[in-house]
Each structure stands twice: as structure tokens, then as C-alpha cells.
């Protein structure tokens, strides 16, 4: 025969004890985990023991992204075009200064097979320390978009490992204002990038004529 009895309703004393226990657990989690990890506050020393202080100190601010997928940007939008002639065994590094969250798009091509590395050096990092995003042992091109995960210089290393000269042509656009060129045996060279999209269109018009300018047709 089945037991159809209803469970006894909890007494007020039991409810009070359960509530106090929940409050104590929440407070313990707050002090031992949340405060050390999120705010670098470690009153009991548990954050350091669990490695949460290191996590808090090494974390970077998240890049804000709107619900529609747009990443808001500030600063000036610039264009840059570069051509590098590399003899066998020669290399060049070319990097843009980008603050955290700043974006750029790029497209580069090589006239023959070349080694390519895309990497970044964070401000204040040890000399020679870099974070690599893409390494190609043998490639002819690279295209994409990039959002800087931290402030620093971001760009490419190209090495000609072939037997003949190679021409590398780069087109980039984004929220950078400065670039740095690194060559073997030469001190790094920094340069300001001041050309805007309108100035680029005017330069193209002057150099190649109106046939190279985009034509907007109403209704299309």
C-alpha cells in the first residue's frame, strides 16, 4: 500500500536556519573567490592561494561589442600602402601602433613564395617578446581584419628564403596613426600615417585619372 501522506511543512526555525546557511555560503564565496578575482581584494589570503590574484592582475578589459555586432571605434581612420623589395635572405618587419580594441583591415601579396608571421608586441613587454597570431612557412598573400587585444605594435615579419628578389605589397586601413619599420642592421624607423580615405581617393585621381575612381549610379 502506497504512502499518501504529505510531507510536513518546514518549521519557521528550519527556514531560518536554511536562510542563514545560504547567506553564509554566499558571503564565503564573495570573500574567497569573487573579491580576489574581480577586485583584487584578498582579506583571507585565499585568492593568492588559489591563483585568483594573478588572474585579476593579468586580465585585460573586454573589447565592447554591441548586440548588432558593431565594435565602436574612436580616433582617426587612416589608409596606408607600402611596397618592400626583398633580396634573397632579406627580411622586413612592418607594424602599426594600435590601442586596445582598435581595428584594421589588411591585404598583402608577394611576387613569389615568402615566409610570413603576423604578431604583436605589447607596450612594456620584455624586448623580443611577442604574441603570434599567424605563421606561414611558404605563402603568397594574406588578407583579413584584426582587432588589437592589447595596446602595442601589431603587424608582420616577411622573410625572403628564395633565390631571387621578392616584392611585397601591403594595403591597410584602420584606426592607426603610426607605423614602425624594422630592417636588418638598421635602427627602427617610425613614421606618422596621416592620409585619410578622401586624401587617398584624391591621390589616386591625380596619379591614375578619373577612370580609377568609384562611380555611384542612383538606384544601384
N, C-alpha and C. Protein backbone atom coordinates (compact mmCIF):
# COMPACT_ATOMS: atom_id res chain seq x y z
N UNK A 1 0.86 -1.20 0.00
CA UNK A 1 0.00 0.00 0.00
C UNK A 1 0.89 1.24 0.00
N UNK A 2 0.59 2.14 -0.91
CA UNK A 2 1.42 3.33 -1.04
C UNK A 2 1.18 4.29 0.10
N UNK A 3 2.24 5.07 0.38
CA UNK A 3 2.16 6.06 1.46
C UNK A 3 1.71 7.37 0.85
N UNK A 4 0.50 7.79 1.16
CA UNK A 4 -0.08 9.01 0.58
C UNK A 4 0.05 10.21 1.48
N UNK A 5 0.86 10.10 2.52
CA UNK A 5 0.97 11.22 3.44
C UNK A 5 1.74 12.38 2.80
N UNK A 6 1.32 13.58 3.06
CA UNK A 6 2.00 14.77 2.59
C UNK A 6 3.19 15.05 3.49
N UNK A 7 4.31 15.54 2.93
CA UNK A 7 5.45 15.87 3.79
C UNK A 7 5.11 17.00 4.72
N UNK A 8 5.70 16.94 5.90
CA UNK A 8 5.46 18.00 6.88
C UNK A 8 6.00 19.33 6.38
N UNK A 9 5.26 20.39 6.60
CA UNK A 9 5.73 21.73 6.24
C UNK A 9 6.90 22.11 7.13
N UNK A 10 7.95 22.74 6.55
CA UNK A 10 9.10 23.11 7.37
C UNK A 10 8.71 24.14 8.40
N UNK A 11 9.29 24.00 9.56
CA UNK A 11 9.02 24.95 10.63
C UNK A 11 9.74 26.26 10.36
N UNK A 12 9.31 27.28 11.07
CA UNK A 12 9.97 28.58 10.92
C UNK A 12 11.43 28.51 11.32
N UNK A 13 11.74 27.68 12.31
CA UNK A 13 13.13 27.54 12.75
C UNK A 13 14.00 26.94 11.65
N UNK A 14 13.45 25.91 10.96
CA UNK A 14 14.21 25.29 9.87
C UNK A 14 14.43 26.28 8.72
N UNK A 15 13.39 27.04 8.38
CA UNK A 15 13.52 28.04 7.32
C UNK A 15 14.57 29.08 7.68
N UNK A 16 14.59 29.49 8.92
CA UNK A 16 15.56 30.49 9.35
C UNK A 16 16.98 29.94 9.26
N UNK A 17 17.16 28.67 9.70
CA UNK A 17 18.50 28.07 9.63
C UNK A 17 18.95 27.93 8.18
N UNK A 18 18.04 27.52 7.28
CA UNK A 18 18.40 27.37 5.86
C UNK A 18 18.77 28.71 5.24
N UNK A 19 18.01 29.75 5.60
CA UNK A 19 18.31 31.09 5.08
C UNK A 19 19.67 31.58 5.55
N UNK A 20 19.94 31.39 6.85
CA UNK A 20 21.24 31.81 7.39
C UNK A 20 22.38 31.04 6.74
N UNK A 21 22.17 29.74 6.50
CA UNK A 21 23.21 28.94 5.85
C UNK A 21 23.49 29.43 4.44
N UNK A 22 22.43 29.77 3.69
CA UNK A 22 22.61 30.28 2.33
C UNK A 22 23.36 31.60 2.33
N UNK A 23 23.03 32.47 3.30
CA UNK A 23 23.72 33.76 3.40
C UNK A 23 25.20 33.56 3.72
N UNK A 24 25.50 32.62 4.62
CA UNK A 24 26.89 32.35 4.98
C UNK A 24 27.68 31.81 3.79
N UNK A 25 27.06 30.88 3.03
CA UNK A 25 27.75 30.33 1.85
C UNK A 25 28.00 31.42 0.82
N UNK A 26 26.99 32.27 0.57
CA UNK A 26 27.16 33.36 -0.39
C UNK A 26 28.26 34.32 0.05
N UNK A 27 28.28 34.63 1.35
CA UNK A 27 29.32 35.52 1.86
C UNK A 27 30.70 34.90 1.74
N UNK A 28 30.80 33.59 1.99
CA UNK A 28 32.09 32.90 1.88
C UNK A 28 32.60 32.93 0.44
N UNK A 29 31.70 32.66 -0.51
CA UNK A 29 32.09 32.71 -1.92
C UNK A 29 32.52 34.12 -2.31
N UNK A 30 31.80 35.12 -1.82
CA UNK A 30 32.15 36.51 -2.12
C UNK A 30 33.55 36.85 -1.64
N UNK A 31 33.86 36.48 -0.39
CA UNK A 31 35.15 36.85 0.20
C UNK A 31 36.30 36.03 -0.37
N UNK A 32 36.07 34.73 -0.61
CA UNK A 32 37.18 33.86 -1.02
C UNK A 32 37.40 33.81 -2.53
N UNK A 33 36.37 34.11 -3.33
CA UNK A 33 36.50 33.96 -4.79
C UNK A 33 36.24 35.26 -5.54
N UNK A 34 35.06 35.85 -5.34
CA UNK A 34 34.66 37.00 -6.15
C UNK A 34 35.55 38.21 -5.91
N UNK A 35 35.75 38.59 -4.65
CA UNK A 35 36.56 39.78 -4.37
C UNK A 35 38.00 39.63 -4.86
N UNK A 36 38.69 38.51 -4.63
CA UNK A 36 40.06 38.39 -5.16
C UNK A 36 40.13 38.39 -6.68
N UNK A 37 39.20 37.69 -7.33
CA UNK A 37 39.27 37.55 -8.79
C UNK A 37 38.85 38.82 -9.51
N UNK A 38 37.79 39.48 -9.03
CA UNK A 38 37.23 40.61 -9.75
C UNK A 38 37.79 41.96 -9.30
N UNK A 39 38.15 42.08 -8.01
CA UNK A 39 38.52 43.39 -7.48
C UNK A 39 39.90 43.41 -6.83
N UNK A 40 40.62 42.28 -6.90
CA UNK A 40 41.97 42.20 -6.34
C UNK A 40 41.97 42.48 -4.83
N UNK A 41 40.89 42.13 -4.14
CA UNK A 41 40.77 42.27 -2.69
C UNK A 41 40.80 40.87 -2.08
N UNK A 42 41.78 40.62 -1.21
CA UNK A 42 42.00 39.26 -0.71
C UNK A 42 42.17 39.27 0.81
N UNK A 43 41.08 39.48 1.58
CA UNK A 43 41.21 39.63 3.04
C UNK A 43 41.66 38.36 3.74
N UNK A 44 41.37 37.17 3.19
CA UNK A 44 41.71 35.91 3.85
C UNK A 44 42.93 35.23 3.26
N UNK A 45 43.46 35.77 2.16
CA UNK A 45 44.61 35.14 1.52
C UNK A 45 44.26 33.97 0.63
N UNK A 46 42.97 33.66 0.49
CA UNK A 46 42.56 32.53 -0.34
C UNK A 46 42.72 32.82 -1.83
N UNK A 47 42.59 34.09 -2.22
CA UNK A 47 42.75 34.44 -3.62
C UNK A 47 44.15 34.14 -4.12
N UNK A 48 45.15 34.49 -3.32
CA UNK A 48 46.53 34.21 -3.70
C UNK A 48 46.79 32.72 -3.73
N UNK A 49 46.25 31.99 -2.74
CA UNK A 49 46.45 30.54 -2.69
C UNK A 49 45.83 29.83 -3.89
N UNK A 50 44.70 30.34 -4.36
CA UNK A 50 44.01 29.73 -5.50
C UNK A 50 44.44 30.28 -6.84
N UNK A 51 45.35 31.26 -6.84
CA UNK A 51 45.80 31.85 -8.10
C UNK A 51 44.87 32.88 -8.68
N UNK A 52 43.90 33.35 -7.89
CA UNK A 52 42.92 34.30 -8.41
C UNK A 52 43.46 35.71 -8.48
N UNK A 53 44.45 36.05 -7.63
CA UNK A 53 45.05 37.38 -7.68
C UNK A 53 45.80 37.57 -8.98
N UNK A 54 46.55 36.54 -9.40
CA UNK A 54 47.28 36.61 -10.66
C UNK A 54 46.32 36.77 -11.82
N UNK A 55 45.21 36.03 -11.76
CA UNK A 55 44.20 36.15 -12.81
C UNK A 55 43.65 37.55 -12.88
N UNK A 56 43.38 38.16 -11.74
CA UNK A 56 42.83 39.51 -11.70
C UNK A 56 43.82 40.52 -12.24
N UNK A 57 45.11 40.38 -11.86
CA UNK A 57 46.11 41.36 -12.28
C UNK A 57 46.44 41.25 -13.75
N UNK A 58 46.38 40.03 -14.31
CA UNK A 58 46.79 39.84 -15.70
C UNK A 58 45.65 40.03 -16.67
N UNK A 59 44.42 40.15 -16.18
CA UNK A 59 43.29 40.29 -17.08
C UNK A 59 43.27 41.64 -17.77
N UNK A 60 42.71 41.68 -19.00
CA UNK A 60 42.57 42.92 -19.74
C UNK A 60 41.09 43.22 -19.91
N UNK A 61 40.79 44.49 -20.11
CA UNK A 61 39.41 44.88 -20.29
C UNK A 61 38.84 44.26 -21.56
N UNK A 62 37.60 43.86 -21.51
CA UNK A 62 36.96 43.27 -22.68
C UNK A 62 36.71 44.35 -23.72
N UNK A 63 36.78 43.94 -24.99
CA UNK A 63 36.51 44.86 -26.09
C UNK A 63 35.00 44.99 -26.23
N UNK A 64 34.44 46.21 -26.13
CA UNK A 64 32.98 46.36 -26.17
C UNK A 64 32.42 46.04 -27.55
N UNK A 65 31.43 45.16 -27.59
CA UNK A 65 30.77 44.80 -28.84
C UNK A 65 29.27 44.98 -28.64
N UNK A 66 28.62 45.72 -29.55
CA UNK A 66 27.19 45.94 -29.45
C UNK A 66 26.43 44.69 -29.87
N UNK A 67 25.15 44.66 -29.52
CA UNK A 67 24.33 43.49 -29.84
C UNK A 67 24.18 43.29 -31.34
N UNK A 68 24.36 44.35 -32.14
CA UNK A 68 24.26 44.21 -33.59
C UNK A 68 25.59 43.82 -34.23
N UNK A 69 26.61 43.52 -33.42
CA UNK A 69 27.90 43.07 -33.94
C UNK A 69 28.87 44.19 -34.24
N UNK A 70 28.47 45.44 -34.06
CA UNK A 70 29.34 46.57 -34.35
C UNK A 70 30.29 46.81 -33.18
N UNK A 71 31.58 47.01 -33.48
CA UNK A 71 32.57 47.37 -32.47
C UNK A 71 32.83 48.86 -32.59
N UNK A 72 32.35 49.68 -31.66
CA UNK A 72 32.56 51.13 -31.77
C UNK A 72 34.05 51.46 -31.76
N UNK A 73 34.44 52.44 -32.57
CA UNK A 73 35.83 52.86 -32.67
C UNK A 73 35.92 54.37 -32.46
N UNK A 74 37.04 54.81 -31.96
CA UNK A 74 37.30 56.24 -31.82
C UNK A 74 38.65 56.54 -32.46
N UNK A 75 38.91 57.81 -32.71
CA UNK A 75 40.15 58.18 -33.36
C UNK A 75 39.97 58.32 -34.86
N UNK A 76 41.06 58.56 -35.55
CA UNK A 76 41.04 58.83 -36.98
C UNK A 76 41.22 57.55 -37.79
N UNK A 77 40.46 57.45 -38.87
CA UNK A 77 40.54 56.32 -39.79
C UNK A 77 41.57 56.65 -40.86
N UNK A 78 42.56 55.77 -41.06
CA UNK A 78 43.67 56.05 -41.97
C UNK A 78 43.84 54.95 -43.00
N UNK A 79 44.49 55.32 -44.09
CA UNK A 79 44.90 54.39 -45.14
C UNK A 79 46.42 54.34 -45.21
N UNK A 80 46.95 53.18 -45.60
CA UNK A 80 48.39 53.06 -45.75
C UNK A 80 48.69 52.04 -46.85
N UNK A 81 49.65 52.37 -47.69
CA UNK A 81 50.11 51.47 -48.75
C UNK A 81 51.64 51.43 -48.71
N UNK A 82 52.20 50.22 -48.74
CA UNK A 82 53.65 50.06 -48.68
C UNK A 82 54.09 48.98 -49.66
N UNK A 83 55.29 49.17 -50.22
CA UNK A 83 55.91 48.17 -51.08
C UNK A 83 57.33 47.93 -50.60
N UNK A 84 57.70 46.67 -50.43
CA UNK A 84 59.03 46.30 -49.95
C UNK A 84 59.69 45.37 -50.97
N UNK A 85 60.93 45.68 -51.31
CA UNK A 85 61.72 44.85 -52.22
C UNK A 85 62.73 44.07 -51.37
N UNK A 86 62.62 42.74 -51.38
CA UNK A 86 63.48 41.91 -50.55
C UNK A 86 64.36 41.02 -51.42
N UNK A 87 65.67 41.16 -51.24
CA UNK A 87 66.61 40.28 -51.91
C UNK A 87 66.67 38.95 -51.15
N UNK A 88 67.25 37.90 -51.75
CA UNK A 88 67.33 36.61 -51.06
C UNK A 88 67.98 36.75 -49.67
N UNK A 89 67.34 36.21 -48.65
CA UNK A 89 67.85 36.27 -47.29
C UNK A 89 67.46 37.53 -46.53
N UNK A 90 66.86 38.50 -47.18
CA UNK A 90 66.47 39.74 -46.51
C UNK A 90 65.09 39.61 -45.88
N UNK A 91 64.86 40.43 -44.84
CA UNK A 91 63.56 40.44 -44.18
C UNK A 91 63.16 41.88 -43.90
N UNK A 92 61.89 42.07 -43.60
CA UNK A 92 61.37 43.35 -43.14
C UNK A 92 60.26 43.07 -42.14
N UNK A 93 60.19 43.89 -41.10
CA UNK A 93 59.07 43.88 -40.16
C UNK A 93 58.36 45.22 -40.29
N UNK A 94 57.05 45.16 -40.39
CA UNK A 94 56.27 46.39 -40.51
C UNK A 94 55.08 46.28 -39.57
N UNK A 95 55.00 47.23 -38.63
CA UNK A 95 53.97 47.15 -37.60
C UNK A 95 53.27 48.50 -37.41
N UNK A 96 51.98 48.41 -37.07
CA UNK A 96 51.18 49.60 -36.78
C UNK A 96 50.97 49.73 -35.27
N UNK A 97 50.92 50.98 -34.83
CA UNK A 97 50.55 51.22 -33.43
C UNK A 97 49.03 51.23 -33.32
N UNK A 98 48.52 50.33 -32.48
CA UNK A 98 47.08 50.24 -32.24
C UNK A 98 46.85 50.17 -30.73
N UNK A 99 45.88 50.94 -30.27
CA UNK A 99 45.45 50.81 -28.89
C UNK A 99 44.52 49.61 -28.75
N UNK A 100 44.30 49.15 -27.54
CA UNK A 100 43.43 48.00 -27.32
C UNK A 100 42.04 48.27 -27.88
N UNK A 101 41.54 47.32 -28.66
CA UNK A 101 40.21 47.44 -29.24
C UNK A 101 40.17 48.14 -30.58
N UNK A 102 41.28 48.75 -31.02
CA UNK A 102 41.30 49.41 -32.32
C UNK A 102 41.39 48.35 -33.42
N UNK A 103 40.76 48.63 -34.55
CA UNK A 103 40.65 47.64 -35.62
C UNK A 103 41.35 48.11 -36.89
N UNK A 104 41.73 47.13 -37.71
CA UNK A 104 42.25 47.42 -39.05
C UNK A 104 41.90 46.26 -39.97
N UNK A 105 41.85 46.57 -41.27
CA UNK A 105 41.75 45.55 -42.30
C UNK A 105 43.00 45.62 -43.15
N UNK A 106 43.38 44.50 -43.75
CA UNK A 106 44.64 44.47 -44.49
C UNK A 106 44.57 43.48 -45.64
N UNK A 107 45.43 43.72 -46.62
CA UNK A 107 45.59 42.81 -47.74
C UNK A 107 47.01 42.97 -48.26
N UNK A 108 47.77 41.89 -48.29
CA UNK A 108 49.12 41.96 -48.82
C UNK A 108 49.38 40.79 -49.77
N UNK A 109 50.25 41.03 -50.73
CA UNK A 109 50.62 40.00 -51.69
C UNK A 109 52.13 40.01 -51.89
N UNK A 110 52.67 38.87 -52.26
CA UNK A 110 54.10 38.73 -52.57
C UNK A 110 54.25 38.21 -53.99
N UNK A 111 55.30 38.65 -54.66
CA UNK A 111 55.52 38.25 -56.05
C UNK A 111 56.03 36.82 -56.16
N UNK A 112 56.51 36.25 -55.04
CA UNK A 112 56.96 34.86 -55.02
C UNK A 112 56.81 34.35 -53.58
N UNK A 113 57.01 33.04 -53.41
CA UNK A 113 56.84 32.43 -52.09
C UNK A 113 57.68 33.14 -51.04
N UNK A 114 57.09 33.33 -49.85
CA UNK A 114 57.77 34.07 -48.79
C UNK A 114 57.29 33.53 -47.43
N UNK A 115 58.14 33.68 -46.41
CA UNK A 115 57.72 33.34 -45.05
C UNK A 115 57.05 34.57 -44.43
N UNK A 116 55.91 34.35 -43.78
CA UNK A 116 55.15 35.45 -43.18
C UNK A 116 54.77 35.11 -41.75
N UNK A 117 54.92 36.09 -40.86
CA UNK A 117 54.48 35.94 -39.47
C UNK A 117 53.70 37.19 -39.09
N UNK A 118 52.51 37.01 -38.56
CA UNK A 118 51.75 38.14 -38.02
C UNK A 118 51.82 38.05 -36.50
N UNK A 119 52.34 39.09 -35.87
CA UNK A 119 52.48 39.06 -34.42
C UNK A 119 52.42 40.47 -33.85
N UNK A 120 52.35 40.54 -32.52
CA UNK A 120 52.20 41.82 -31.83
C UNK A 120 53.14 41.88 -30.64
N UNK A 121 53.56 43.09 -30.31
CA UNK A 121 54.39 43.33 -29.13
C UNK A 121 53.65 44.32 -28.24
N UNK A 122 53.34 43.90 -27.03
CA UNK A 122 52.59 44.74 -26.10
C UNK A 122 53.47 45.83 -25.52
N UNK A 123 52.90 46.97 -25.23
CA UNK A 123 53.63 48.04 -24.55
C UNK A 123 54.16 47.53 -23.22
N UNK A 124 55.44 47.80 -22.96
CA UNK A 124 56.04 47.40 -21.69
C UNK A 124 56.51 45.97 -21.63
N UNK A 125 56.36 45.21 -22.72
CA UNK A 125 56.79 43.81 -22.71
C UNK A 125 58.31 43.72 -22.79
N UNK A 126 58.86 42.59 -22.38
CA UNK A 126 60.30 42.36 -22.48
C UNK A 126 60.72 42.43 -23.95
N UNK A 127 61.90 43.01 -24.25
CA UNK A 127 62.37 43.05 -25.63
C UNK A 127 62.43 41.65 -26.24
N UNK A 128 61.92 41.53 -27.45
CA UNK A 128 61.91 40.23 -28.12
C UNK A 128 60.71 39.37 -27.79
N UNK A 129 59.85 39.85 -26.88
CA UNK A 129 58.65 39.10 -26.52
C UNK A 129 57.50 39.50 -27.44
N UNK A 130 56.85 38.51 -28.04
CA UNK A 130 55.76 38.80 -28.96
C UNK A 130 54.69 37.73 -28.85
N UNK A 131 53.47 38.09 -29.24
CA UNK A 131 52.37 37.13 -29.31
C UNK A 131 52.06 36.89 -30.78
N UNK A 132 52.16 35.62 -31.21
CA UNK A 132 51.99 35.27 -32.61
C UNK A 132 50.55 34.86 -32.89
N UNK A 133 50.02 35.35 -34.02
CA UNK A 133 48.66 35.04 -34.41
C UNK A 133 48.60 34.18 -35.67
N UNK A 134 49.58 34.32 -36.54
CA UNK A 134 49.58 33.55 -37.79
C UNK A 134 51.01 33.40 -38.28
N UNK A 135 51.41 32.17 -38.60
CA UNK A 135 52.74 31.89 -39.13
C UNK A 135 52.57 31.03 -40.38
N UNK A 136 53.11 31.51 -41.50
CA UNK A 136 53.06 30.78 -42.76
C UNK A 136 54.49 30.57 -43.25
N UNK A 137 54.88 29.30 -43.39
CA UNK A 137 56.24 28.99 -43.84
C UNK A 137 56.45 29.38 -45.30
N UNK A 138 55.39 29.26 -46.10
CA UNK A 138 55.51 29.49 -47.54
C UNK A 138 54.16 29.97 -48.05
N UNK A 139 54.08 31.25 -48.38
CA UNK A 139 52.80 31.81 -48.79
C UNK A 139 53.01 32.94 -49.78
N UNK A 140 51.93 33.31 -50.44
CA UNK A 140 51.97 34.38 -51.43
C UNK A 140 51.11 35.58 -51.05
N UNK A 141 50.26 35.42 -50.01
CA UNK A 141 49.33 36.51 -49.70
C UNK A 141 48.74 36.35 -48.31
N UNK A 142 48.13 37.44 -47.85
CA UNK A 142 47.41 37.44 -46.58
C UNK A 142 46.36 38.52 -46.59
N UNK A 143 45.15 38.20 -46.14
CA UNK A 143 44.04 39.15 -46.15
C UNK A 143 43.20 38.93 -44.90
N UNK A 144 42.68 40.00 -44.33
CA UNK A 144 41.82 39.81 -43.17
C UNK A 144 41.56 41.09 -42.42
N UNK A 145 40.96 40.93 -41.25
CA UNK A 145 40.72 42.05 -40.33
C UNK A 145 41.29 41.67 -38.97
N UNK A 146 41.59 42.68 -38.17
CA UNK A 146 42.29 42.44 -36.91
C UNK A 146 41.85 43.47 -35.89
N UNK A 147 41.60 43.03 -34.66
CA UNK A 147 41.28 43.91 -33.54
C UNK A 147 42.36 43.70 -32.48
N UNK A 148 43.03 44.78 -32.10
CA UNK A 148 44.16 44.67 -31.17
C UNK A 148 43.69 44.20 -29.80
N UNK A 149 44.24 43.09 -29.28
CA UNK A 149 43.85 42.61 -27.96
C UNK A 149 44.50 43.39 -26.83
N UNK A 150 45.52 44.19 -27.15
CA UNK A 150 46.21 45.00 -26.14
C UNK A 150 46.91 46.15 -26.85
N UNK A 151 47.27 47.21 -26.13
CA UNK A 151 47.99 48.32 -26.77
C UNK A 151 49.42 47.91 -27.10
N UNK A 152 49.88 48.32 -28.28
CA UNK A 152 51.24 47.97 -28.69
C UNK A 152 51.39 48.14 -30.18
N UNK A 153 52.38 47.43 -30.75
CA UNK A 153 52.60 47.47 -32.20
C UNK A 153 52.23 46.10 -32.77
N UNK A 154 51.54 46.14 -33.91
CA UNK A 154 50.92 44.94 -34.47
C UNK A 154 51.20 44.91 -35.97
N UNK A 155 51.69 43.78 -36.47
CA UNK A 155 51.97 43.72 -37.90
C UNK A 155 52.65 42.44 -38.33
N UNK A 156 53.58 42.56 -39.30
CA UNK A 156 54.09 41.39 -40.00
C UNK A 156 55.61 41.36 -40.04
N UNK A 157 56.11 40.14 -40.19
CA UNK A 157 57.51 39.86 -40.48
C UNK A 157 57.53 39.05 -41.77
N UNK A 158 58.24 39.55 -42.77
CA UNK A 158 58.37 38.84 -44.04
C UNK A 158 59.83 38.51 -44.30
N UNK A 159 60.11 37.27 -44.65
CA UNK A 159 61.48 36.81 -44.92
C UNK A 159 61.52 36.14 -46.28
N UNK A 160 62.44 36.60 -47.12
CA UNK A 160 62.64 36.00 -48.43
C UNK A 160 63.66 34.87 -48.31
N UNK A 161 63.17 33.64 -48.36
CA UNK A 161 64.04 32.47 -48.28
C UNK A 161 64.34 31.87 -49.64
N UNK A 162 63.94 32.57 -50.70
CA UNK A 162 64.15 32.07 -52.05
C UNK A 162 65.49 32.48 -52.64
N UNK A 163 65.64 32.21 -53.93
CA UNK A 163 66.89 32.51 -54.64
C UNK A 163 66.84 33.81 -55.43
N UNK A 164 65.67 34.42 -55.53
CA UNK A 164 65.53 35.66 -56.28
C UNK A 164 64.81 36.72 -55.49
N UNK A 165 64.75 37.95 -56.01
CA UNK A 165 64.08 39.04 -55.30
C UNK A 165 62.57 38.82 -55.21
N UNK A 166 61.98 39.37 -54.16
CA UNK A 166 60.53 39.28 -53.93
C UNK A 166 60.00 40.67 -53.60
N UNK A 167 58.87 41.01 -54.18
CA UNK A 167 58.20 42.28 -53.88
C UNK A 167 56.96 42.00 -53.03
N UNK A 168 56.88 42.67 -51.89
CA UNK A 168 55.72 42.55 -51.00
C UNK A 168 54.95 43.86 -51.05
N UNK A 169 53.66 43.78 -51.35
CA UNK A 169 52.81 44.97 -51.42
C UNK A 169 51.71 44.86 -50.37
N UNK A 170 51.60 45.89 -49.54
CA UNK A 170 50.64 45.90 -48.43
C UNK A 170 49.66 47.05 -48.59
N UNK A 171 48.38 46.75 -48.39
CA UNK A 171 47.33 47.77 -48.31
C UNK A 171 46.63 47.57 -46.97
N UNK A 172 46.52 48.63 -46.20
CA UNK A 172 45.88 48.54 -44.88
C UNK A 172 45.03 49.77 -44.63
N UNK A 173 43.99 49.59 -43.84
CA UNK A 173 43.12 50.70 -43.44
C UNK A 173 42.64 50.42 -42.02
N UNK A 174 42.61 51.47 -41.21
CA UNK A 174 42.17 51.25 -39.84
C UNK A 174 42.42 52.44 -38.95
N UNK A 175 42.35 52.19 -37.65
CA UNK A 175 42.44 53.27 -36.66
C UNK A 175 43.83 53.31 -36.05
N UNK A 176 44.83 53.44 -36.94
CA UNK A 176 46.22 53.61 -36.53
C UNK A 176 46.71 54.97 -37.01
N UNK A 177 47.72 55.50 -36.38
CA UNK A 177 48.28 56.79 -36.79
C UNK A 177 49.78 56.74 -36.95
N UNK A 178 50.38 55.56 -36.73
CA UNK A 178 51.84 55.47 -36.74
C UNK A 178 52.25 54.06 -37.12
N UNK A 179 53.39 53.93 -37.79
CA UNK A 179 53.94 52.62 -38.12
C UNK A 179 55.43 52.61 -37.83
N UNK A 180 55.99 51.40 -37.70
CA UNK A 180 57.41 51.24 -37.45
C UNK A 180 57.96 50.20 -38.42
N UNK A 181 59.11 50.51 -39.03
CA UNK A 181 59.77 49.60 -39.96
C UNK A 181 61.04 49.08 -39.30
N UNK A 182 61.23 47.75 -39.35
CA UNK A 182 62.42 47.11 -38.82
C UNK A 182 63.14 46.41 -39.97
N UNK A 183 64.43 46.76 -40.16
CA UNK A 183 65.27 46.13 -41.17
C UNK A 183 66.55 45.64 -40.51
N UNK A 184 67.18 44.63 -41.09
CA UNK A 184 68.41 44.08 -40.54
C UNK A 184 69.51 45.13 -40.55
N UNK A 185 70.15 45.32 -39.40
CA UNK A 185 71.28 46.24 -39.31
C UNK A 185 70.91 47.70 -39.33
N UNK A 186 69.61 48.01 -39.24
CA UNK A 186 69.15 49.40 -39.30
C UNK A 186 68.26 49.67 -38.08
N UNK A 187 68.42 50.83 -37.47
CA UNK A 187 67.57 51.19 -36.33
C UNK A 187 66.11 51.30 -36.79
N UNK A 188 65.16 50.90 -35.94
CA UNK A 188 63.74 51.01 -36.31
C UNK A 188 63.37 52.43 -36.72
N UNK A 189 62.55 52.53 -37.74
CA UNK A 189 62.13 53.83 -38.26
C UNK A 189 60.63 53.99 -38.02
N UNK A 190 60.24 55.03 -37.31
CA UNK A 190 58.84 55.32 -37.06
C UNK A 190 58.35 56.40 -38.01
N UNK A 191 57.12 56.27 -38.45
CA UNK A 191 56.55 57.27 -39.35
C UNK A 191 55.09 57.49 -39.01
N UNK A 192 54.67 58.76 -39.14
CA UNK A 192 53.27 59.10 -38.94
C UNK A 192 52.47 58.73 -40.18
N UNK A 193 51.25 58.30 -39.98
CA UNK A 193 50.34 57.99 -41.08
C UNK A 193 49.20 59.00 -41.01
N UNK A 194 49.13 59.86 -41.98
CA UNK A 194 48.18 60.97 -41.92
C UNK A 194 47.14 60.94 -43.04
N UNK A 195 47.28 60.03 -44.00
CA UNK A 195 46.37 60.04 -45.13
C UNK A 195 45.00 59.50 -44.75
N UNK A 196 43.97 60.25 -45.07
CA UNK A 196 42.59 59.83 -44.84
C UNK A 196 42.05 59.18 -46.11
N UNK A 197 40.90 58.48 -46.06
CA UNK A 197 40.33 57.89 -47.27
C UNK A 197 40.09 58.90 -48.38
N UNK A 198 39.64 60.12 -48.05
CA UNK A 198 39.41 61.13 -49.08
C UNK A 198 40.72 61.53 -49.73
N UNK A 199 41.76 61.72 -48.92
CA UNK A 199 43.07 62.07 -49.48
C UNK A 199 43.59 60.96 -50.37
N UNK A 200 43.32 59.70 -49.98
CA UNK A 200 43.75 58.58 -50.81
C UNK A 200 43.04 58.57 -52.15
N UNK A 201 41.74 58.89 -52.15
CA UNK A 201 41.00 58.95 -53.41
C UNK A 201 41.52 60.08 -54.30
N UNK A 202 41.84 61.23 -53.70
CA UNK A 202 42.38 62.34 -54.49
C UNK A 202 43.75 61.98 -55.07
N UNK A 203 44.58 61.30 -54.27
CA UNK A 203 45.89 60.91 -54.78
C UNK A 203 45.74 59.93 -55.94
N UNK A 204 44.78 58.99 -55.81
CA UNK A 204 44.54 58.04 -56.89
C UNK A 204 44.06 58.76 -58.15
N UNK A 205 43.22 59.79 -57.96
CA UNK A 205 42.72 60.57 -59.09
C UNK A 205 43.87 61.27 -59.81
N UNK A 206 44.76 61.88 -59.03
CA UNK A 206 45.89 62.61 -59.61
C UNK A 206 46.83 61.67 -60.34
N UNK A 207 47.07 60.47 -59.75
CA UNK A 207 48.05 59.55 -60.33
C UNK A 207 47.52 58.76 -61.51
N UNK A 208 46.23 58.39 -61.48
CA UNK A 208 45.72 57.47 -62.49
C UNK A 208 44.55 58.02 -63.29
N UNK A 209 43.98 59.16 -62.89
CA UNK A 209 42.88 59.71 -63.64
C UNK A 209 41.52 59.25 -63.12
N UNK A 210 40.45 59.85 -63.60
CA UNK A 210 39.11 59.59 -63.06
C UNK A 210 38.60 58.18 -63.31
N UNK A 211 39.19 57.45 -64.28
CA UNK A 211 38.69 56.10 -64.56
C UNK A 211 38.88 55.16 -63.39
N UNK A 212 39.82 55.47 -62.48
CA UNK A 212 40.08 54.59 -61.34
C UNK A 212 39.19 54.91 -60.14
N UNK A 213 38.45 56.02 -60.20
CA UNK A 213 37.60 56.40 -59.08
C UNK A 213 36.28 55.63 -59.13
N UNK A 214 35.71 55.27 -57.97
CA UNK A 214 34.42 54.56 -57.98
C UNK A 214 33.31 55.46 -58.51
N UNK A 215 32.37 54.87 -59.25
CA UNK A 215 31.24 55.60 -59.83
C UNK A 215 29.97 55.12 -59.15
N UNK A 216 29.21 56.02 -58.54
CA UNK A 216 27.97 55.69 -57.87
C UNK A 216 26.81 55.99 -58.82
N UNK A 217 25.97 54.98 -59.10
CA UNK A 217 24.83 55.14 -60.00
C UNK A 217 23.55 55.08 -59.17
N UNK A 218 22.73 56.12 -59.17
CA UNK A 218 21.49 56.11 -58.38
C UNK A 218 20.63 54.90 -58.74
N UNK A 219 20.09 54.25 -57.69
CA UNK A 219 19.21 53.11 -57.91
C UNK A 219 19.92 51.79 -57.91
N UNK A 220 21.27 51.78 -57.96
CA UNK A 220 22.03 50.53 -57.96
C UNK A 220 22.64 50.28 -56.59
